[in-house]
Amino acid sequence: MAGLSTRGQAFRIKSVDHTGFTVASLDESLRFWVDAMGFRHLYTWTFEPGPFIEQLVGVPGAAMRLAMVEGPGHSIELLEYTSPPERPAYRPRSSDVGSVHLAFYVENIDALLGHIAGFGWLPVGEVQTVQSGERNGLRLIYVRGPDGVTIELLQLPEDAPK
């Protein structure tokens, strides 16, 4: 990626490190990402309220437990805030501004859907198949977890280049 410049200062984005999700229960989220999805648990850290975490996340009184899990080509950071006490849960629809999702190429989308349903991750609709164009035959679906996090599962057609 080419470097960029602003006000005479050059910079560039070097790579993606991770995607973070705020969750209600770190233990339940780890169970999903490790046991259901097969990611590797790298570490868990605890942050008590203090200037470091408060300044980092912009929330006075913030405290949290976080865990990092590593999957094929990407890491997920799971964040369970233990304070402040008021932490509303948002479960945006895909069309709501600010909604995000993370997409994974998978093999045997139907088997994976059945497996993750036991962990509370459910489809928002039916598996769709692209019927034309450069992605013809691609099967895909959104699934949403108990915390409102959305992931997209994509399965290439059998004859697609690997």
Foldseek 3Di string as FASTA:
>chain_A
DDWDDDPRDIDDDDDDAAAEDEFADPVLVCCCCCVLVPWAWDDKDWAFFDDVVCVVVVNHRWIWIWTWTGDVPHIYIYIYTPDDPDDDFDQDDPPDPPADEAEDEDPPPVVSQVRCVVSAWHWPDDWDADCDDPQHGKTKTWIAHPRNYIYMYIYGDPPDDD
